[in-house]
Protein backbone atom coordinates (compact mmCIF):
# COMPACT_ATOMS: atom_id res chain seq x y z
CA MET A 1 -0.24 30.62 15.74
CA LEU A 2 0.67 27.38 13.98
CA PRO A 3 -1.22 24.93 11.76
CA ARG A 4 -2.69 22.03 13.68
CA ILE A 5 -4.29 18.64 13.29
CA GLU A 6 -8.04 18.52 13.71
CA ALA A 7 -10.08 15.37 14.26
CA THR A 8 -13.62 14.76 15.42
CA ASP A 9 -15.39 11.87 17.08
CA GLN A 10 -17.73 11.62 14.08
CA ARG A 11 -15.16 10.57 11.47
CA ILE A 12 -12.13 8.38 11.03
CA GLY A 13 -8.86 10.18 10.38
CA PHE A 14 -7.86 13.82 10.63
CA HIS A 15 -7.15 16.95 8.59
CA TRP A 16 -4.62 19.72 8.95
CA VAL A 17 -6.05 23.20 9.38
CA SER A 18 -4.46 26.62 9.04
CA PRO A 19 -4.08 28.97 12.05
CA GLU A 20 -7.38 30.49 10.90
CA GLY A 21 -9.09 27.07 10.85
CA ARG A 22 -9.07 26.54 7.07
CA PRO A 23 -8.64 22.86 6.01
CA LEU A 24 -5.27 22.20 4.35
CA ARG A 25 -3.48 19.31 2.74
CA LEU A 26 -0.14 18.51 4.32
CA VAL A 27 1.73 19.84 1.29
CA GLU A 28 -0.01 23.20 1.79
CA VAL A 29 1.02 23.14 5.44
CA VAL A 30 4.71 22.71 4.60
CA ARG A 31 4.46 25.60 2.12
CA LEU A 32 3.35 28.08 4.79
CA PRO A 33 5.76 30.88 5.76
CA GLY A 34 8.15 29.63 8.43
CA ALA A 35 7.09 26.02 7.83
CA GLU A 36 8.69 23.43 10.09
CA ALA A 37 8.48 20.40 7.82
CA GLU A 38 11.01 18.48 9.92
CA ARG A 39 8.47 18.61 12.78
CA TRP A 40 5.18 18.43 10.94
CA LEU A 41 5.87 15.40 8.74
CA PRO A 42 6.73 13.21 11.77
CA THR A 43 3.64 14.63 13.51
CA HIS A 44 1.55 13.54 10.53
CA LEU A 45 3.04 10.04 10.72
CA GLU A 46 2.35 9.73 14.43
CA ALA A 47 -1.26 10.82 13.90
CA LEU A 48 -1.60 8.34 11.02
CA ASP A 49 -0.25 5.63 13.31
CA ASP A 50 -2.95 6.54 15.83
CA VAL A 51 -5.56 6.22 13.07
CA LEU A 52 -4.28 2.73 12.26
CA ILE A 53 -4.58 1.75 15.92
CA GLU A 54 -8.15 3.07 15.96
CA VAL A 55 -9.09 1.21 12.78
CA ALA A 56 -7.51 -2.02 14.04
CA GLY A 57 -9.46 -1.71 17.26
CA ARG A 58 -12.76 -1.18 15.47
CA PHE A 59 -12.37 -3.60 12.57
CA GLY A 60 -9.59 -5.98 13.58
CA GLU A 61 -11.65 -9.14 13.10
CA ILE A 62 -12.66 -8.00 9.61
CA LEU A 63 -9.12 -6.99 8.62
CA GLY A 64 -7.82 -10.33 9.87
CA GLY A 65 -10.28 -12.21 7.70
CA GLY A 66 -12.25 -13.65 10.61
CA ARG A 67 -15.52 -12.40 9.16
CA GLY A 68 -16.96 -9.97 6.67
CA PRO A 69 -18.40 -6.61 7.66
CA ARG A 70 -22.00 -6.45 8.78
CA PRO A 71 -24.27 -4.13 6.75
CA ASP A 72 -24.02 -1.48 9.46
CA GLU A 73 -20.19 -1.66 9.32
CA GLN A 74 -19.66 -1.28 5.59
CA ASP A 75 -19.72 2.52 5.60
CA GLY A 76 -17.21 2.55 8.44
CA VAL A 77 -14.86 0.17 6.62
CA SER A 78 -15.09 2.35 3.51
CA ALA A 79 -14.40 5.50 5.53
CA ALA A 80 -11.42 3.77 7.15
CA TYR A 81 -9.60 2.79 3.96
CA ARG A 82 -10.32 6.15 2.33
CA ALA A 83 -8.93 8.04 5.31
CA ILE A 84 -5.83 5.82 5.36
CA ASP A 85 -5.30 6.25 1.63
CA ARG A 86 -5.67 10.02 1.79
CA LEU A 87 -3.25 10.40 4.69
CA CYS A 88 -0.64 8.19 2.99
CA ALA A 89 -0.92 10.17 -0.25
CA GLU A 90 -0.67 13.47 1.62
CA TYR A 91 2.50 12.36 3.37
CA ALA A 92 4.15 11.22 0.13
CA GLU A 93 3.25 14.46 -1.64
CA ALA A 94 4.55 16.67 1.19
CA HIS A 95 7.72 14.63 1.64
CA GLY A 96 8.47 14.98 -2.05
CA GLU A 97 7.91 18.72 -1.79
CA VAL A 98 10.36 19.42 1.02
CA GLY A 99 13.07 16.92 0.14
CA LEU A 100 13.73 15.62 3.65
CA PRO A 101 15.74 12.37 3.95
CA ASP A 102 13.80 9.14 3.57
CA ASP A 103 12.61 7.76 6.88
CA VAL A 104 12.44 4.07 7.83
CA ARG A 105 9.54 4.75 10.18
CA ALA A 106 7.60 6.37 7.35
CA GLY A 107 7.97 3.16 5.37
CA GLN A 108 6.89 1.03 8.30
CA ILE A 109 3.78 3.09 8.97
CA SER A 110 2.91 3.41 5.27
CA GLY A 111 3.41 -0.33 4.82
CA THR A 112 1.08 -1.16 7.69
CA ALA A 113 -1.38 1.42 6.37
CA ALA A 114 -1.28 -0.14 2.89
CA LEU A 115 -1.87 -3.60 4.35
CA MET A 116 -4.87 -2.38 6.34
CA SER A 117 -6.30 -0.49 3.37
CA ILE A 118 -6.00 -3.56 1.15
CA ARG A 119 -7.56 -5.86 3.74
CA ALA A 120 -10.41 -3.39 4.26
CA ARG A 121 -11.04 -3.16 0.52
CA GLN A 122 -10.90 -6.93 0.12
CA SER A 123 -13.66 -7.26 2.71
CA ILE A 124 -16.05 -5.07 0.68
CA ALA A 125 -15.02 -6.17 -2.85
CA MET A 126 -13.24 -2.92 -3.71
CA MET A 127 -10.01 -4.42 -5.04
CA GLY A 128 -8.72 -4.34 -8.59
CA PRO A 129 -7.79 -7.71 -10.10
CA ALA A 130 -4.40 -9.19 -9.25
CA PRO A 131 -2.15 -9.90 -12.26
CA TYR A 132 -3.17 -13.12 -14.03
CA ASP A 133 -6.37 -13.24 -11.98
CA GLY A 134 -8.44 -16.21 -13.16
CA GLU A 135 -5.73 -17.46 -15.55
CA LEU A 136 -3.57 -19.65 -13.30
CA ASP A 137 -3.58 -23.34 -12.52
CA GLN A 138 -4.01 -24.54 -8.95
CA PRO A 139 -1.46 -26.81 -7.26
CA GLY A 140 -2.44 -30.27 -6.10
CA PRO A 141 -1.54 -31.78 -2.72
CA GLY A 142 2.08 -32.43 -1.81
CA VAL A 143 5.37 -30.88 -2.85
CA VAL A 144 5.32 -28.98 -6.14
CA GLY A 145 8.39 -28.89 -8.35
CA GLY A 146 9.04 -26.15 -10.85
CA ARG A 147 10.88 -22.97 -11.65
CA ALA A 148 9.88 -19.78 -9.86
CA GLY A 149 10.06 -16.43 -11.58
CA LEU A 150 8.51 -13.00 -11.76
CA HIS A 151 6.24 -12.88 -14.81
CA TRP A 152 5.00 -9.66 -16.40
CA VAL A 153 1.49 -9.58 -17.81
CA ASP A 154 2.71 -7.45 -20.72
CA GLU A 155 6.20 -5.95 -20.80
CA SER A 156 4.93 -3.13 -23.03
CA ARG A 157 2.30 -2.20 -20.43
CA PRO A 158 4.11 -2.30 -17.07
CA TRP A 159 1.06 -0.79 -15.37
CA ALA A 160 -0.66 -4.17 -15.91
CA GLY A 161 1.76 -5.59 -13.35
CA ALA A 162 3.78 -8.68 -12.58
CA ARG A 163 3.48 -11.66 -10.27
CA TRP A 164 5.60 -14.49 -8.92
CA LEU A 165 4.70 -17.80 -10.54
CA VAL A 166 6.00 -21.34 -10.41
CA VAL A 167 6.08 -23.00 -13.84
CA THR A 168 6.17 -26.79 -13.64
CA GLU A 169 7.85 -29.17 -16.08
CA ASP A 170 4.50 -29.98 -17.66
CA GLY A 171 3.75 -26.29 -18.25
CA LEU A 172 1.38 -25.53 -15.39
CA ARG A 173 1.53 -21.95 -14.12
CA LEU A 174 0.99 -21.91 -10.37
CA PRO A 175 0.57 -18.84 -8.15
CA ALA A 176 3.43 -18.02 -5.82
CA THR A 177 4.14 -15.31 -3.25
CA LEU A 178 7.25 -13.54 -2.07
CA SER A 179 6.77 -15.08 1.39
CA MET A 180 6.64 -18.56 -0.09
CA LEU A 181 9.84 -18.02 -2.05
CA LEU A 182 11.72 -16.50 0.88
CA PHE A 183 10.61 -18.85 3.63
CA ASP A 184 9.13 -22.05 2.19
CA SER A 185 11.15 -22.84 -0.94
CA SER A 186 14.53 -24.40 -1.58
CA GLY A 187 17.15 -23.21 -4.03
CA VAL A 188 15.96 -19.59 -4.00
CA ASP A 189 18.49 -16.76 -4.15
CA LYS A 190 16.77 -14.55 -1.58
CA ASP A 191 18.79 -11.41 -2.23
CA ALA A 192 18.20 -11.61 -5.98
CA THR A 193 14.51 -12.31 -5.41
CA LEU A 194 14.12 -9.26 -3.19
CA THR A 195 15.98 -7.07 -5.66
CA GLU A 196 13.78 -8.24 -8.53
CA HIS A 197 10.64 -7.56 -6.50
CA ARG A 198 11.88 -4.09 -5.53
CA ASP A 199 12.61 -3.24 -9.15
CA ALA A 200 9.20 -4.50 -10.28
CA LEU A 201 7.31 -2.57 -7.61
CA ALA A 202 9.20 0.63 -8.42
CA ARG A 203 8.50 0.17 -12.14
CA VAL A 204 4.78 -0.46 -11.62
CA THR A 205 4.50 2.42 -9.14
CA GLU A 206 5.81 4.79 -11.80
CA ALA A 207 3.81 3.23 -14.64
CA VAL A 208 0.34 3.40 -13.03
CA GLY A 209 0.42 7.18 -13.25
CA VAL A 210 0.54 7.36 -17.05
CA PRO A 211 -2.69 8.51 -18.75
CA GLU A 212 -3.12 5.29 -20.76
CA ALA A 213 -3.09 3.06 -17.67
CA GLU A 214 -6.46 1.40 -17.11
CA PRO A 215 -7.26 2.47 -13.53
CA LEU A 216 -8.83 -0.75 -12.26
CA VAL A 217 -6.12 -2.95 -13.76
CA ALA A 218 -3.34 -0.60 -12.67
CA SER A 219 -4.63 -0.42 -9.11
CA GLY A 220 -4.68 -4.21 -8.87
CA ALA A 221 -1.14 -4.36 -10.25
CA VAL A 222 0.45 -1.99 -7.73
CA ASP A 223 -1.65 -3.32 -4.85
CA TRP A 224 -0.59 -6.91 -5.53
CA LEU A 225 3.16 -6.24 -5.55
CA LEU A 226 2.89 -3.94 -2.53
CA PHE A 227 0.73 -6.42 -0.61
CA ASP A 228 3.10 -9.26 -1.51
CA TRP A 229 6.06 -7.24 -0.20
CA VAL A 230 4.52 -6.13 3.11
CA MET A 231 3.11 -9.60 3.83
CA ALA A 232 6.67 -10.94 3.54
CA HIS A 233 8.02 -8.22 5.85
CA ARG A 234 5.73 -8.41 8.87
CA GLU A 235 7.04 -8.79 12.39
CA SER A 236 5.25 -12.14 12.67
CA PRO A 237 2.56 -14.12 10.80
CA ASP A 238 -0.07 -12.72 13.18
CA SER A 239 1.09 -9.10 13.00
CA GLY A 240 0.24 -6.25 10.69
CA ALA A 241 3.34 -4.29 11.67
CA VAL A 242 5.77 -4.01 8.77
CA GLU A 243 9.51 -4.32 9.36
CA ILE A 244 12.25 -2.55 7.40
CA GLY A 245 15.88 -3.43 7.96
CA SER A 246 18.15 -0.89 9.60
CA GLY A 247 19.38 1.60 7.05
CA ARG A 248 17.04 0.37 4.31
CA THR A 249 15.70 3.85 3.61
CA ALA A 250 15.31 2.98 -0.09
CA ASP A 251 12.80 0.30 0.90
CA ALA A 252 10.94 2.86 3.01
CA ARG A 253 10.76 5.24 0.06
CA MET A 254 9.55 2.42 -2.20
CA ILE A 255 6.67 1.64 0.15
CA VAL A 256 5.71 5.29 0.69
CA LEU A 257 5.57 5.95 -3.07
CA ALA A 258 3.71 2.72 -3.87
CA ALA A 259 1.05 3.32 -1.21
CA ALA A 260 0.48 6.84 -2.54
CA ALA A 261 0.38 5.66 -6.16
CA SER A 262 -2.23 3.05 -5.26
CA ALA A 263 -4.44 5.71 -3.69
CA ARG A 264 -4.02 8.15 -6.58
CA VAL A 265 -4.84 5.66 -9.32
CA ARG A 266 -7.95 4.53 -7.46
CA ALA A 267 -9.10 8.14 -7.21
CA ARG A 268 -9.85 7.79 -10.93
CA PHE A 269 -12.74 5.40 -10.25
CA ASP A 270 -13.46 5.47 -6.49
CA LEU A 271 -15.76 8.43 -5.88
CA GLY A 272 -14.81 8.48 -2.21
CA LEU A 273 -11.22 9.30 -3.17
CA LEU A 274 -11.93 12.13 -5.59
CA GLU A 275 -10.10 14.64 -3.38
CA LEU A 276 -6.90 12.69 -4.11
CA ALA A 277 -7.12 13.50 -7.82
CA LYS A 278 -5.25 16.75 -7.10
CA ILE A 279 -2.41 15.02 -5.24
């Protein structure tokens, strides 16, 4: 007998169970005698993808920002993001355990999962603050001139995060996004911009796990850079599917680790994610 995935009609998501029916995390599954990690990790991803399809079907209008959740939907939205977070964290933990090669599809699914989790949490006010939240100026109408750059909140506290800003000649600090720089701005070195964003996301992903990181601030920091990346790498402006270039397995790994780090740091204050504290 082999471990298997178990899901019910009463809850969103799934769990792995042992041949005897005992609930297991994915990392416990790949530690079983005769484990077939090269089969079970892709199986986990496919099942996670099915969960994302289910969540999109149930809450697509909410995730797309068309409306907020009704009172009778709030528990379902919460259950959705918590299931997505747990399954992403389980995959990252198990993948790190077995040392299989990085997988572009894992990054695509984890990126879409992260986007859906963030959109779900935004709809019920469960997001940490973005870097510089409430501190920036707002652009006026028309074309804005200035110098774009990635600004760290505090270099000595990388877990507080970084954000793209445009600083104008008169000293205004305006919010910017990776999508804006890549697709709507002139004079931007796109390769250098992507490299700087990758480095920042990797640095924040590692930093949010340190004991001194303030969980709410740290969660907002990693979520912002991850959200900014996946929004700039969607198939189309109306799609939640995340694209990764052929052979860009390092980008896939970056997304997988960032999505898991986001879930783990939020387990320090989100009671619904307490089971992730051990991952």
